[in-house]
Amino acid sequence: MNFTVMAQAGKAAPASGGLISFAPFILIIVIFYFLIIRPQQKKEKERKRMINELRVGDKVLTIGGIQGVITGIRENEDIVTVKISDNAKVDFIRSAIQNKVLPPSANDRNKAKK
């Protein structure tokens, strides 16, 4: 067999599997986006909305686990004053508020009694 014929045979093979071999990786990235990244972005957007809507009198829970009532908000400094007992008020940065503590509904109280 001639050497030039062998070289031409190697060049004649089409590279059809190039893009198809990346399909599983692309599929994994799409799955990660819809199952992990997108829900996390929605959750963070909802948390930012809740932080911006904080008002005096709201019961809140901080990231550190402290529960109290907002007694003051300094908008220009992003500081929230939280009353944690009769004689104790603590200042927190707004972003330290994890969520609002909602009062238990009548249905929740009935379930707890059973």
Protein backbone atom coordinates (compact mmCIF):
# COMPACT_ATOMS: atom_id res chain seq x y z
CA MET A 1 0.00 0.00 0.00
CA ASN A 2 1.22 3.44 -0.85
CA PHE A 3 1.96 5.90 2.00
CA THR A 4 0.01 8.72 0.32
CA VAL A 5 -3.10 6.54 0.11
CA MET A 6 -2.97 5.91 3.88
CA ALA A 7 -2.59 9.62 4.62
CA GLN A 8 -5.57 10.45 2.43
CA ALA A 9 -7.67 7.78 4.15
CA GLY A 10 -6.99 9.43 7.52
CA LYS A 11 -8.13 12.81 6.21
CA ALA A 12 -11.28 11.44 4.66
CA ALA A 13 -12.85 10.49 8.04
CA PRO A 14 -15.54 13.07 8.88
CA ALA A 15 -15.59 14.69 12.35
CA SER A 16 -19.32 14.11 12.94
CA GLY A 17 -19.04 13.27 16.67
CA GLY A 18 -17.54 16.63 17.73
CA LEU A 19 -20.68 18.55 18.58
CA ILE A 20 -22.68 15.49 19.61
CA SER A 21 -20.09 14.58 22.24
CA PHE A 22 -20.78 17.90 24.01
CA ALA A 23 -24.54 17.30 24.17
CA PRO A 24 -24.46 15.54 27.60
CA PHE A 25 -22.45 18.43 29.10
CA ILE A 26 -24.87 20.99 27.68
CA LEU A 27 -27.80 18.96 29.03
CA ILE A 28 -26.22 18.83 32.50
CA ILE A 29 -25.72 22.61 32.49
CA VAL A 30 -29.37 23.17 31.49
CA ILE A 31 -30.57 20.80 34.24
CA PHE A 32 -28.41 22.56 36.85
CA TYR A 33 -29.79 25.93 35.75
CA PHE A 34 -33.43 24.92 36.08
CA LEU A 35 -33.08 22.81 39.24
CA ILE A 36 -30.54 24.81 41.25
CA ILE A 37 -29.62 28.25 39.93
CA ARG A 38 -33.02 29.60 38.85
CA PRO A 39 -34.90 28.67 42.07
CA GLN A 40 -32.08 30.18 44.15
CA GLN A 41 -32.28 33.43 42.17
CA LYS A 42 -36.06 33.58 42.71
CA LYS A 43 -35.62 32.94 46.43
CA GLU A 44 -33.01 35.70 46.74
CA LYS A 45 -35.22 38.13 44.80
CA GLU A 46 -38.11 37.38 47.19
CA ARG A 47 -35.83 37.90 50.23
CA LYS A 48 -34.65 41.30 48.91
CA ARG A 49 -38.27 42.32 48.37
CA MET A 50 -39.13 41.30 51.94
CA ILE A 51 -36.16 43.27 53.34
CA ASN A 52 -37.18 46.38 51.41
CA GLU A 53 -40.76 46.11 52.74
CA LEU A 54 -39.79 45.92 56.44
CA ARG A 55 -41.83 48.28 58.62
CA VAL A 56 -41.85 49.28 62.30
CA GLY A 57 -43.83 46.72 64.29
CA ASP A 58 -42.90 43.70 62.15
CA LYS A 59 -41.76 40.62 64.05
CA VAL A 60 -38.52 39.39 62.50
CA LEU A 61 -35.94 36.65 62.80
CA THR A 62 -32.29 37.51 62.23
CA ILE A 63 -29.70 35.32 60.57
CA GLY A 64 -28.20 34.73 64.03
CA GLY A 65 -31.51 33.37 65.35
CA ILE A 66 -32.57 36.41 67.37
CA GLN A 67 -36.30 37.07 67.27
CA GLY A 68 -37.75 40.48 67.99
CA VAL A 69 -39.91 43.42 66.89
CA ILE A 70 -38.67 46.25 64.70
CA THR A 71 -38.84 49.54 66.63
CA GLY A 72 -36.92 51.77 64.25
CA ILE A 73 -35.49 51.93 60.76
CA ARG A 74 -32.74 54.28 59.60
CA GLU A 75 -33.15 54.26 55.82
CA ASN A 76 -30.00 56.23 55.00
CA GLU A 77 -27.78 53.80 56.96
CA ASP A 78 -29.68 50.55 56.26
CA ILE A 79 -29.92 49.95 60.01
CA VAL A 80 -32.89 48.28 61.71
CA THR A 81 -33.42 48.54 65.49
CA VAL A 82 -34.94 45.36 66.90
CA LYS A 83 -36.43 45.10 70.37
CA ILE A 84 -35.57 41.65 71.72
CA SER A 85 -36.87 42.12 75.31
CA ASP A 86 -38.39 44.86 77.45
CA ASN A 87 -35.06 46.58 78.12
CA ALA A 88 -32.95 45.44 75.17
CA LYS A 89 -32.80 46.95 71.70
CA VAL A 90 -30.20 45.89 69.16
CA ASP A 91 -29.20 47.49 65.86
CA PHE A 92 -28.84 45.21 62.83
CA ILE A 93 -27.95 45.78 59.22
CA ARG A 94 -31.05 45.21 57.07
CA SER A 95 -29.45 42.26 55.30
CA ALA A 96 -29.11 40.46 58.67
CA ILE A 97 -32.88 39.98 58.77
CA GLN A 98 -33.67 36.46 57.61
CA ASN A 99 -37.47 36.65 57.46
CA LYS A 100 -40.62 38.00 59.03
CA VAL A 101 -42.23 35.95 61.76
CA LEU A 102 -45.89 35.65 60.97
CA PRO A 103 -48.40 35.29 63.79
CA PRO A 104 -49.87 31.79 63.99
CA SER A 105 -53.18 31.45 62.23
CA ALA A 106 -56.27 29.93 63.86
CA ASN A 107 -55.73 26.73 61.86
CA ASP A 108 -52.18 26.36 63.20
CA ARG A 109 -53.37 26.82 66.80
CA ASN A 110 -56.08 24.16 66.35
CA LYS A 111 -53.54 21.70 64.94
CA ALA A 112 -51.18 22.32 67.86
CA LYS A 113 -53.94 21.52 70.40
CA LYS A 114 -54.73 18.14 68.84
